[in-house]
Structures are given as C-alpha cells and as structure tokens.
Amino acid sequence: FVEAFGGIDVTDVVSSVSAPSLVIHCRGDIRLPLEGGRQLAALLPDSRLVILDSADHLLLEDEPAWPRFLAEINAFMAELG
C-alpha cells in the first residue's frame, strides 16, 4: 500500500486543477519531506502552502500544531464562501 501510493506522480496533471487549493505540510515530516509540499504548491495554480511545526506525516488533534491546522482550514473554507 505504502509503496503503491509512494509511486504516484501527478506532476503532469496537477497544473490542470482549476479550484483554489490549500497544501498543508509538516515541517519535519519524515515520510514526505517538506520539499514535496513546496513542489506541489508550486505546481498547483491558485494554491497556498501552509507549513506546520510538526514532525508527523499525519497530524493528530493532541499535537501543538492542531489548532493552527484547524484555523488554516477554516480560513480557507471561509475564503471560498
């Protein structure tokens, strides 16, 4: 499962996304380094990158970065109307 998903490459199609996008990435993510999040955000038209202070790949609600995670999602959704 991890190997199959790790091989997915969307670089050829990501520029065709026509919706605003929010890319959230944890600074210390060891599963997918921050550069991967930066690259995705750079390829997505009308995207915003948010970098959270966490080392986890999957953020959990007991982590210090959780409130900011929720705030960023809520702000993004509010911008969409």
PDB file of N, CA and C in Angstrom:
ATOM      1  N   PHE A   1       0.824  -1.189   0.000  1.00  0.00           N
ATOM      2  CA  PHE A   1       0.000   0.000   0.000  1.00  0.00           C
ATOM      3  C   PHE A   1       0.870   1.255   0.000  1.00  0.00           C
ATOM      4  N   VAL A   2       1.795   1.325   0.936  1.00  0.00           N
ATOM      5  CA  VAL A   2       2.685   2.489   1.032  1.00  0.00           C
ATOM      6  C   VAL A   2       3.541   2.606  -0.219  1.00  0.00           C
ATOM      7  N   GLU A   3       4.025   1.481  -0.707  1.00  0.00           N
ATOM      8  CA  GLU A   3       4.856   1.500  -1.910  1.00  0.00           C
ATOM      9  C   GLU A   3       4.054   1.962  -3.125  1.00  0.00           C
ATOM     10  N   ALA A   4       2.825   1.490  -3.246  1.00  0.00           N
ATOM     11  CA  ALA A   4       1.980   1.881  -4.383  1.00  0.00           C
ATOM     12  C   ALA A   4       1.663   3.373  -4.344  1.00  0.00           C
ATOM     13  N   PHE A   5       1.286   3.881  -3.198  1.00  0.00           N
ATOM     14  CA  PHE A   5       0.962   5.300  -3.100  1.00  0.00           C
ATOM     15  C   PHE A   5       2.208   6.168  -3.210  1.00  0.00           C
ATOM     16  N   GLY A   6       3.337   5.664  -2.767  1.00  0.00           N
ATOM     17  CA  GLY A   6       4.576   6.413  -2.868  1.00  0.00           C
ATOM     18  C   GLY A   6       5.048   6.615  -4.287  1.00  0.00           C
ATOM     19  N   GLY A   7       4.552   5.785  -5.212  1.00  0.00           N
ATOM     20  CA  GLY A   7       4.954   5.895  -6.598  1.00  0.00           C
ATOM     21  C   GLY A   7       4.041   6.750  -7.455  1.00  0.00           C
ATOM     22  N   ILE A   8       3.014   7.323  -6.860  1.00  0.00           N
ATOM     23  CA  ILE A   8       2.079   8.150  -7.625  1.00  0.00           C
ATOM     24  C   ILE A   8       2.747   9.477  -7.971  1.00  0.00           C
ATOM     25  N   ASP A   9       2.692   9.830  -9.236  1.00  0.00           N
ATOM     26  CA  ASP A   9       3.289  11.083  -9.708  1.00  0.00           C
ATOM     27  C   ASP A   9       2.221  11.877 -10.461  1.00  0.00           C
ATOM     28  N   VAL A  10       1.837  13.020  -9.913  1.00  0.00           N
ATOM     29  CA  VAL A  10       0.779  13.834 -10.520  1.00  0.00           C
ATOM     30  C   VAL A  10       1.326  15.081 -11.204  1.00  0.00           C
ATOM     31  N   THR A  11       2.620  15.173 -11.336  1.00  0.00           N
ATOM     32  CA  THR A  11       3.204  16.408 -11.870  1.00  0.00           C
ATOM     33  C   THR A  11       2.700  16.765 -13.265  1.00  0.00           C
ATOM     34  N   ASP A  12       2.340  15.769 -14.053  1.00  0.00           N
ATOM     35  CA  ASP A  12       1.866  16.048 -15.414  1.00  0.00           C
ATOM     36  C   ASP A  12       0.432  16.582 -15.458  1.00  0.00           C
ATOM     37  N   VAL A  13      -0.344  16.335 -14.425  1.00  0.00           N
ATOM     38  CA  VAL A  13      -1.764  16.722 -14.454  1.00  0.00           C
ATOM     39  C   VAL A  13      -2.136  17.791 -13.428  1.00  0.00           C
ATOM     40  N   VAL A  14      -1.291  18.021 -12.454  1.00  0.00           N
ATOM     41  CA  VAL A  14      -1.653  18.919 -11.354  1.00  0.00           C
ATOM     42  C   VAL A  14      -1.904  20.357 -11.824  1.00  0.00           C
ATOM     43  N   SER A  15      -1.263  20.773 -12.887  1.00  0.00           N
ATOM     44  CA  SER A  15      -1.465  22.140 -13.372  1.00  0.00           C
ATOM     45  C   SER A  15      -2.855  22.347 -13.970  1.00  0.00           C
ATOM     46  N   SER A  16      -3.587  21.271 -14.206  1.00  0.00           N
ATOM     47  CA  SER A  16      -4.939  21.396 -14.752  1.00  0.00           C
ATOM     48  C   SER A  16      -6.003  21.575 -13.669  1.00  0.00           C
ATOM     49  N   VAL A  17      -5.612  21.548 -12.418  1.00  0.00           N
ATOM     50  CA  VAL A  17      -6.566  21.779 -11.322  1.00  0.00           C
ATOM     51  C   VAL A  17      -7.058  23.216 -11.423  1.00  0.00           C
ATOM     52  N   SER A  18      -8.372  23.384 -11.402  1.00  0.00           N
ATOM     53  CA  SER A  18      -8.929  24.731 -11.584  1.00  0.00           C
ATOM     54  C   SER A  18      -9.585  25.284 -10.320  1.00  0.00           C
ATOM     55  N   ALA A  19      -9.419  24.604  -9.215  1.00  0.00           N
ATOM     56  CA  ALA A  19     -10.005  25.055  -7.953  1.00  0.00           C
ATOM     57  C   ALA A  19      -8.901  25.579  -7.040  1.00  0.00           C
ATOM     58  N   PRO A  20      -9.218  26.571  -6.199  1.00  0.00           N
ATOM     59  CA  PRO A  20      -8.234  27.004  -5.212  1.00  0.00           C
ATOM     60  C   PRO A  20      -7.820  25.810  -4.348  1.00  0.00           C
ATOM     61  N   SER A  21      -6.565  25.773  -3.981  1.00  0.00           N
ATOM     62  CA  SER A  21      -6.055  24.620  -3.227  1.00  0.00           C
ATOM     63  C   SER A  21      -5.260  25.073  -2.019  1.00  0.00           C
ATOM     64  N   LEU A  22      -5.392  24.310  -0.964  1.00  0.00           N
ATOM     65  CA  LEU A  22      -4.629  24.537   0.257  1.00  0.00           C
ATOM     66  C   LEU A  22      -3.732  23.329   0.457  1.00  0.00           C
ATOM     67  N   VAL A  23      -2.438  23.557   0.456  1.00  0.00           N
ATOM     68  CA  VAL A  23      -1.466  22.495   0.694  1.00  0.00           C
ATOM     69  C   VAL A  23      -0.933  22.697   2.101  1.00  0.00           C
ATOM     70  N   ILE A  24      -1.160  21.712   2.939  1.00  0.00           N
ATOM     71  CA  ILE A  24      -0.686  21.774   4.334  1.00  0.00           C
ATOM     72  C   ILE A  24       0.373  20.691   4.495  1.00  0.00           C
ATOM     73  N   HIS A  25       1.524  21.106   5.021  1.00  0.00           N
ATOM     74  CA  HIS A  25       2.632  20.164   5.167  1.00  0.00           C
ATOM     75  C   HIS A  25       3.338  20.425   6.493  1.00  0.00           C
ATOM     76  N   CYS A  26       3.761  19.352   7.129  1.00  0.00           N
ATOM     77  CA  CYS A  26       4.504  19.490   8.386  1.00  0.00           C
ATOM     78  C   CYS A  26       5.998  19.625   8.095  1.00  0.00           C
ATOM     79  N   ARG A  27       6.588  20.577   8.769  1.00  0.00           N
ATOM     80  CA  ARG A  27       7.991  20.911   8.545  1.00  0.00           C
ATOM     81  C   ARG A  27       8.922  19.703   8.701  1.00  0.00           C
ATOM     82  N   GLY A  28       8.694  18.884   9.690  1.00  0.00           N
ATOM     83  CA  GLY A  28       9.609  17.773   9.963  1.00  0.00           C
ATOM     84  C   GLY A  28       9.120  16.424   9.478  1.00  0.00           C
ATOM     85  N   ASP A  29       8.170  16.405   8.565  1.00  0.00           N
ATOM     86  CA  ASP A  29       7.600  15.158   8.045  1.00  0.00           C
ATOM     87  C   ASP A  29       8.711  14.287   7.470  1.00  0.00           C
ATOM     88  N   ILE A  30       8.908  13.092   8.045  1.00  0.00           N
ATOM     89  CA  ILE A  30       9.967  12.211   7.536  1.00  0.00           C
ATOM     90  C   ILE A  30       9.447  11.271   6.453  1.00  0.00           C
ATOM     91  N   ARG A  31       8.148  11.122   6.329  1.00  0.00           N
ATOM     92  CA  ARG A  31       7.560  10.287   5.274  1.00  0.00           C
ATOM     93  C   ARG A  31       7.651  11.002   3.929  1.00  0.00           C
ATOM     94  N   LEU A  32       7.322  12.283   3.929  1.00  0.00           N
ATOM     95  CA  LEU A  32       7.401  13.097   2.719  1.00  0.00           C
ATOM     96  C   LEU A  32       8.044  14.432   3.109  1.00  0.00           C
ATOM     97  N   PRO A  33       9.282  14.647   2.757  1.00  0.00           N
ATOM     98  CA  PRO A  33       9.978  15.873   3.144  1.00  0.00           C
ATOM     99  C   PRO A  33       9.250  17.138   2.673  1.00  0.00           C
ATOM    100  N   LEU A  34       9.482  18.211   3.372  1.00  0.00           N
ATOM    101  CA  LEU A  34       8.833  19.491   3.104  1.00  0.00           C
ATOM    102  C   LEU A  34       8.963  19.913   1.643  1.00  0.00           C
ATOM    103  N   GLU A  35      10.059  19.588   1.015  1.00  0.00           N
ATOM    104  CA  GLU A  35      10.253  19.972  -0.387  1.00  0.00           C
ATOM    105  C   GLU A  35       9.138  19.418  -1.276  1.00  0.00           C
ATOM    106  N   GLY A  36       8.610  18.250  -0.939  1.00  0.00           N
ATOM    107  CA  GLY A  36       7.496  17.685  -1.695  1.00  0.00           C
ATOM    108  C   GLY A  36       6.254  18.562  -1.623  1.00  0.00           C
ATOM    109  N   GLY A  37       5.961  19.092  -0.443  1.00  0.00           N
ATOM    110  CA  GLY A  37       4.837  20.011  -0.285  1.00  0.00           C
ATOM    111  C   GLY A  37       5.067  21.310  -1.036  1.00  0.00           C
ATOM    112  N   ARG A  38       6.283  21.788  -0.978  1.00  0.00           N
ATOM    113  CA  ARG A  38       6.614  23.019  -1.716  1.00  0.00           C
ATOM    114  C   ARG A  38       6.462  22.832  -3.220  1.00  0.00           C
ATOM    115  N   GLN A  39       6.920  21.685  -3.711  1.00  0.00           N
ATOM    116  CA  GLN A  39       6.811  21.409  -5.148  1.00  0.00           C
ATOM    117  C   GLN A  39       5.351  21.310  -5.579  1.00  0.00           C
ATOM    118  N   LEU A  40       4.534  20.624  -4.783  1.00  0.00           N
ATOM    119  CA  LEU A  40       3.123  20.501  -5.118  1.00  0.00           C
ATOM    120  C   LEU A  40       2.460  21.869  -5.155  1.00  0.00           C
ATOM    121  N   ALA A  41       2.699  22.685  -4.146  1.00  0.00           N
ATOM    122  CA  ALA A  41       2.100  24.020  -4.107  1.00  0.00           C
ATOM    123  C   ALA A  41       2.565  24.872  -5.283  1.00  0.00           C
ATOM    124  N   ALA A  42       3.810  24.721  -5.684  1.00  0.00           N
ATOM    125  CA  ALA A  42       4.327  25.498  -6.818  1.00  0.00           C
ATOM    126  C   ALA A  42       3.676  25.075  -8.129  1.00  0.00           C
ATOM    127  N   LEU A  43       3.298  23.819  -8.243  1.00  0.00           N
ATOM    128  CA  LEU A  43       2.686  23.317  -9.473  1.00  0.00           C
ATOM    129  C   LEU A  43       1.183  23.584  -9.537  1.00  0.00           C
ATOM    130  N   LEU A  44       0.548  23.732  -8.388  1.00  0.00           N
ATOM    131  CA  LEU A  44      -0.900  23.947  -8.351  1.00  0.00           C
ATOM    132  C   LEU A  44      -1.228  25.417  -8.584  1.00  0.00           C
ATOM    133  N   PRO A  45      -2.019  25.709  -9.604  1.00  0.00           N
ATOM    134  CA  PRO A  45      -2.441  27.102  -9.795  1.00  0.00           C
ATOM    135  C   PRO A  45      -3.335  27.519  -8.616  1.00  0.00           C
ATOM    136  N   ASP A  46      -3.256  28.754  -8.209  1.00  0.00           N
ATOM    137  CA  ASP A  46      -4.110  29.290  -7.146  1.00  0.00           C
ATOM    138  C   ASP A  46      -4.057  28.451  -5.870  1.00  0.00           C
ATOM    139  N   SER A  47      -2.836  28.175  -5.419  1.00  0.00           N
ATOM    140  CA  SER A  47      -2.674  27.392  -4.193  1.00  0.00           C
ATOM    141  C   SER A  47      -1.967  28.215  -3.131  1.00  0.00           C
ATOM    142  N   ARG A  48      -2.151  27.770  -1.907  1.00  0.00           N
ATOM    143  CA  ARG A  48      -1.470  28.391  -0.772  1.00  0.00           C
ATOM    144  C   ARG A  48      -0.839  27.274   0.042  1.00  0.00           C
ATOM    145  N   LEU A  49       0.434  27.440   0.396  1.00  0.00           N
ATOM    146  CA  LEU A  49       1.152  26.462   1.201  1.00  0.00           C
ATOM    147  C   LEU A  49       1.184  26.926   2.642  1.00  0.00           C
ATOM    148  N   VAL A  50       0.795  26.035   3.538  1.00  0.00           N
ATOM    149  CA  VAL A  50       0.876  26.281   4.973  1.00  0.00           C
ATOM    150  C   VAL A  50       1.831  25.241   5.547  1.00  0.00           C
ATOM    151  N   ILE A  51       2.828  25.703   6.258  1.00  0.00           N
ATOM    152  CA  ILE A  51       3.808  24.805   6.865  1.00  0.00           C
ATOM    153  C   ILE A  51       3.553  24.778   8.365  1.00  0.00           C
ATOM    154  N   LEU A  52       3.279  23.589   8.881  1.00  0.00           N
ATOM    155  CA  LEU A  52       3.009  23.429  10.306  1.00  0.00           C
ATOM    156  C   LEU A  52       4.256  22.935  11.032  1.00  0.00           C
ATOM    157  N   ASP A  53       4.399  23.346  12.270  1.00  0.00           N
ATOM    158  CA  ASP A  53       5.523  22.900  13.085  1.00  0.00           C
ATOM    159  C   ASP A  53       5.175  21.559  13.725  1.00  0.00           C
ATOM    160  N   SER A  54       5.505  20.509  13.007  1.00  0.00           N
ATOM    161  CA  SER A  54       5.289  19.144  13.486  1.00  0.00           C
ATOM    162  C   SER A  54       6.241  18.235  12.722  1.00  0.00           C
ATOM    163  N   ALA A  55       6.501  17.079  13.297  1.00  0.00           N
ATOM    164  CA  ALA A  55       7.360  16.102  12.632  1.00  0.00           C
ATOM    165  C   ALA A  55       6.552  14.943  12.079  1.00  0.00           C
ATOM    166  N   ASP A  56       5.237  15.007  12.206  1.00  0.00           N
ATOM    167  CA  ASP A  56       4.396  13.886  11.805  1.00  0.00           C
ATOM    168  C   ASP A  56       3.884  14.027  10.378  1.00  0.00           C
ATOM    169  N   HIS A  57       3.617  12.885   9.768  1.00  0.00           N
ATOM    170  CA  HIS A  57       3.028  12.868   8.434  1.00  0.00           C
ATOM    171  C   HIS A  57       1.513  13.042   8.543  1.00  0.00           C
ATOM    172  N   LEU A  58       0.938  12.433   9.552  1.00  0.00           N
ATOM    173  CA  LEU A  58      -0.489  12.579   9.833  1.00  0.00           C
ATOM    174  C   LEU A  58      -0.632  13.334  11.147  1.00  0.00           C
ATOM    175  N   LEU A  59      -1.177  14.501  11.081  1.00  0.00           N
ATOM    176  CA  LEU A  59      -1.325  15.343  12.257  1.00  0.00           C
ATOM    177  C   LEU A  59      -2.474  14.844  13.117  1.00  0.00           C
ATOM    178  N   LEU A  60      -2.255  14.768  14.411  1.00  0.00           N
ATOM    179  CA  LEU A  60      -3.278  14.320  15.350  1.00  0.00           C
ATOM    180  C   LEU A  60      -3.745  15.485  16.219  1.00  0.00           C
ATOM    181  N   GLU A  61      -4.957  15.384  16.719  1.00  0.00           N
ATOM    182  CA  GLU A  61      -5.550  16.512  17.427  1.00  0.00           C
ATOM    183  C   GLU A  61      -4.892  16.843  18.761  1.00  0.00           C
ATOM    184  N   ASP A  62      -4.045  15.990  19.285  1.00  0.00           N
ATOM    185  CA  ASP A  62      -3.369  16.308  20.541  1.00  0.00           C
ATOM    186  C   ASP A  62      -2.020  16.997  20.325  1.00  0.00           C
ATOM    187  N   GLU A  63      -1.677  17.284  19.079  1.00  0.00           N
ATOM    188  CA  GLU A  63      -0.404  17.942  18.791  1.00  0.00           C
ATOM    189  C   GLU A  63      -0.533  19.460  18.874  1.00  0.00           C
ATOM    190  N   PRO A  64       0.543  20.147  19.235  1.00  0.00           N
ATOM    191  CA  PRO A  64       0.506  21.605  19.333  1.00  0.00           C
ATOM    192  C   PRO A  64       0.113  22.311  18.031  1.00  0.00           C
ATOM    193  N   ALA A  65       0.397  21.710  16.876  1.00  0.00           N
ATOM    194  CA  ALA A  65       0.079  22.338  15.590  1.00  0.00           C
ATOM    195  C   ALA A  65      -1.398  22.185  15.209  1.00  0.00           C
ATOM    196  N   TRP A  66      -2.153  21.374  15.942  1.00  0.00           N
ATOM    197  CA  TRP A  66      -3.548  21.099  15.592  1.00  0.00           C
ATOM    198  C   TRP A  66      -4.425  22.353  15.522  1.00  0.00           C
ATOM    199  N   PRO A  67      -4.365  23.254  16.509  1.00  0.00           N
ATOM    200  CA  PRO A  67      -5.207  24.463  16.411  1.00  0.00           C
ATOM    201  C   PRO A  67      -4.920  25.290  15.156  1.00  0.00           C
ATOM    202  N   ARG A  68      -3.663  25.408  14.785  1.00  0.00           N
ATOM    203  CA  ARG A  68      -3.336  26.156  13.571  1.00  0.00           C
ATOM    204  C   ARG A  68      -3.845  25.412  12.333  1.00  0.00           C
ATOM    205  N   PHE A  69      -3.726  24.106  12.331  1.00  0.00           N
ATOM    206  CA  PHE A  69      -4.254  23.287  11.242  1.00  0.00           C
ATOM    207  C   PHE A  69      -5.736  23.586  11.031  1.00  0.00           C
ATOM    208  N   LEU A  70      -6.503  23.543  12.109  1.00  0.00           N
ATOM    209  CA  LEU A  70      -7.938  23.825  12.014  1.00  0.00           C
ATOM    210  C   LEU A  70      -8.201  25.260  11.576  1.00  0.00           C
ATOM    211  N   ALA A  71      -7.446  26.205  12.131  1.00  0.00           N
ATOM    212  CA  ALA A  71      -7.628  27.617  11.780  1.00  0.00           C
ATOM    213  C   ALA A  71      -7.363  27.848  10.296  1.00  0.00           C
ATOM    214  N   GLU A  72      -6.327  27.216   9.750  1.00  0.00           N
ATOM    215  CA  GLU A  72      -5.998  27.378   8.333  1.00  0.00           C
ATOM    216  C   GLU A  72      -7.088  26.792   7.441  1.00  0.00           C
ATOM    217  N   ILE A  73      -7.612  25.649   7.817  1.00  0.00           N
ATOM    218  CA  ILE A  73      -8.689  25.032   7.049  1.00  0.00           C
ATOM    219  C   ILE A  73      -9.942  25.913   7.112  1.00  0.00           C
ATOM    220  N   ASN A  74     -10.282  26.387   8.300  1.00  0.00           N
ATOM    221  CA  ASN A  74     -11.464  27.241   8.452  1.00  0.00           C
ATOM    222  C   ASN A  74     -11.316  28.543   7.653  1.00  0.00           C
ATOM    223  N   ALA A  75     -10.143  29.143   7.680  1.00  0.00           N
ATOM    224  CA  ALA A  75      -9.911  30.380   6.934  1.00  0.00           C
ATOM    225  C   ALA A  75     -10.012  30.120   5.429  1.00  0.00           C
ATOM    226  N   PHE A  76      -9.454  29.016   4.972  1.00  0.00           N
ATOM    227  CA  PHE A  76      -9.511  28.661   3.559  1.00  0.00           C
ATOM    228  C   PHE A  76     -10.953  28.456   3.115  1.00  0.00           C
ATOM    229  N   MET A  77     -11.704  27.726   3.909  1.00  0.00           N
ATOM    230  CA  MET A  77     -13.113  27.487   3.568  1.00  0.00           C
ATOM    231  C   MET A  77     -13.920  28.781   3.583  1.00  0.00           C
ATOM    232  N   ALA A  78     -13.620  29.670   4.512  1.00  0.00           N
ATOM    233  CA  ALA A  78     -14.321  30.958   4.577  1.00  0.00           C
ATOM    234  C   ALA A  78     -14.025  31.804   3.344  1.00  0.00           C
ATOM    235  N   GLU A  79     -12.793  31.747   2.856  1.00  0.00           N
ATOM    236  CA  GLU A  79     -12.418  32.489   1.645  1.00  0.00           C
ATOM    237  C   GLU A  79     -13.197  31.989   0.425  1.00  0.00           C
ATOM    238  N   LEU A  80     -13.512  30.718   0.426  1.00  0.00           N
ATOM    239  CA  LEU A  80     -14.239  30.119  -0.698  1.00  0.00           C
ATOM    240  C   LEU A  80     -15.717  30.541  -0.689  1.00  0.00           C
ATOM    241  N   GLY A  81     -16.166  30.957   0.498  1.00  0.00           N
ATOM    242  CA  GLY A  81     -17.542  31.447   0.613  1.00  0.00           C
ATOM    243  C   GLY A  81     -18.476  30.364   0.891  1.00  0.00           C
TER     244      GLY A  81
END
